[in-house]
Protein backbone atom coordinates (compact mmCIF):
# COMPACT_ATOMS: atom_id res chain seq x y z
CA MET A 1 -11.13 -6.24 -2.11
CA ARG A 2 -14.45 -5.97 -2.52
CA ALA A 3 -14.11 -9.09 -5.16
CA LEU A 4 -11.90 -10.87 -2.99
CA LEU A 5 -14.75 -10.81 -0.25
CA ALA A 6 -17.62 -10.98 -2.27
CA ASN A 7 -16.00 -14.59 -3.80
CA SER A 8 -14.70 -16.37 -0.47
CA ASP A 9 -16.22 -19.04 1.21
CA LEU A 10 -14.73 -17.59 4.60
CA ALA A 11 -12.84 -14.98 5.74
CA ILE A 12 -10.66 -14.46 8.88
CA ALA A 13 -9.19 -11.44 10.57
CA ASN A 14 -7.40 -10.31 13.46
CA LEU A 15 -8.89 -7.17 14.94
CA ALA A 16 -5.34 -5.01 13.57
CA GLU A 17 -6.23 -6.51 9.96
CA PHE A 18 -9.99 -6.21 10.17
CA ARG A 19 -9.21 -2.15 11.38
CA GLU A 20 -6.85 -1.76 8.47
CA LEU A 21 -9.73 -3.30 5.95
CA VAL A 22 -12.60 -1.02 7.23
CA ALA A 23 -10.32 1.69 7.45
CA ALA A 24 -9.80 1.65 3.70
CA PHE A 25 -13.48 1.59 3.65
CA GLY A 26 -14.04 5.09 5.09
CA PHE A 27 -15.15 2.59 8.19
CA ASP A 28 -14.55 3.57 12.08
CA CYS A 29 -13.37 0.18 14.23
CA PRO A 30 -11.79 0.20 17.55
CA SER A 31 -8.46 -1.37 18.44
CA GLU A 32 -9.09 -2.68 21.79
CA GLU A 33 -9.30 -6.52 21.93
CA HIS A 34 -12.24 -6.69 24.73
CA PHE A 35 -15.12 -6.98 25.22
CA THR A 36 -16.48 -3.56 25.73
CA SER A 37 -15.44 -3.26 22.26
CA VAL A 38 -17.43 -5.95 20.48
CA ALA A 39 -20.40 -3.89 19.79
CA ARG A 40 -18.39 -1.22 17.66
CA ILE A 41 -16.61 -3.79 16.18
CA ALA A 42 -19.91 -5.56 15.39
CA GLU A 43 -21.15 -2.03 14.05
CA ALA A 44 -17.86 -2.05 11.78
CA LEU A 45 -18.35 -5.50 10.79
CA ARG A 46 -22.36 -4.99 9.82
CA ARG A 47 -21.40 -2.06 7.58
CA LEU A 48 -18.27 -3.73 5.63
CA VAL A 49 -21.01 -6.80 5.17
CA GLN A 50 -23.52 -4.24 3.64
CA PHE A 51 -21.34 -2.52 1.59
CA VAL A 52 -19.07 -5.96 0.71
CA GLU A 53 -22.00 -7.99 0.64
CA PRO A 54 -20.22 -11.19 0.94
CA ARG A 55 -21.05 -14.83 -0.02
CA GLY A 56 -19.17 -16.25 2.98
CA ASP A 57 -18.80 -15.86 6.94
CA VAL A 58 -16.39 -13.13 8.27
CA ILE A 59 -14.59 -13.86 11.61
CA VAL A 60 -13.27 -11.64 13.32
CA THR A 61 -10.89 -12.77 16.09
CA MET A 62 -10.36 -10.68 19.15
CA GLY A 63 -7.63 -12.76 21.35
CA GLU A 64 -9.23 -13.49 24.70
CA SER A 65 -12.19 -11.70 24.15
CA GLY A 66 -13.13 -14.30 21.55
CA GLN A 67 -14.60 -13.39 18.06
CA VAL A 68 -17.12 -11.09 16.28
CA ILE A 69 -19.03 -13.58 13.24
CA TYR A 70 -20.78 -12.68 10.36
CA ASP A 71 -22.67 -16.04 9.26
CA ALA A 72 -24.14 -15.16 5.79
CA ALA A 73 -26.51 -18.37 5.69
CA ASP A 74 -28.71 -15.68 7.77
CA GLY A 75 -27.19 -12.53 7.97
CA ALA A 76 -26.56 -12.58 11.55
CA ILE A 77 -23.69 -10.97 13.47
CA PHE A 78 -22.61 -12.39 17.09
CA HIS A 79 -19.97 -12.73 19.23
CA MET A 80 -18.76 -16.00 20.61
CA GLY A 81 -16.66 -15.95 23.78
CA LEU A 82 -13.33 -18.16 24.64
CA THR A 83 -14.87 -20.49 26.75
CA ARG A 84 -14.28 -24.27 27.08
CA GLU A 85 -17.43 -24.97 25.08
CA GLY A 86 -17.29 -21.94 23.08
CA GLN A 87 -13.50 -23.66 21.93
CA ALA A 88 -15.07 -26.30 20.78
CA ILE A 89 -18.01 -24.64 18.72
CA CYS A 90 -15.47 -22.93 17.32
CA ARG A 91 -13.67 -26.03 16.06
CA SER A 92 -16.87 -27.44 15.08
CA TYR A 93 -17.77 -24.08 13.30
CA LEU A 94 -14.76 -23.78 10.94
CA SER A 95 -15.00 -27.58 10.23
CA GLY A 96 -18.70 -26.97 9.04
CA GLY A 97 -20.85 -27.71 11.63
CA LYS A 98 -22.05 -24.26 12.64
CA ASN A 99 -23.81 -25.11 16.13
CA GLN A 100 -26.12 -22.92 16.92
CA ARG A 101 -25.33 -23.01 20.93
CA ASN A 102 -23.08 -19.92 22.38
CA ARG A 103 -24.71 -17.52 19.95
CA ARG A 104 -25.21 -13.81 21.44
CA ARG A 105 -27.23 -12.09 18.16
CA LEU A 106 -26.01 -8.37 18.31
CA ARG A 107 -28.32 -5.42 17.18
CA CYS A 108 -26.74 -3.31 14.73
């Protein structure tokens, strides 16, 4: 798994998949797809990134609560909500045009 993430340009997982992944490395992660879980999901992602050192971006989807994203280009971990603007940014992000608006940096 470590080699797979280290060689991928982009990894996307829903929260249930992400929980299984981080559990395999011994990290804890909440199961609730809710805004109150964002900081703890970001912490689990930070720990995974430090351990695996992925080459590409990692996106953890949280249903209606948006996504927690690791941007490999600058090392930022941020939450992106699913507002109308956020949906447009996400479409741009996934097509390669990473837009800096609507990003909220998280301290981990």
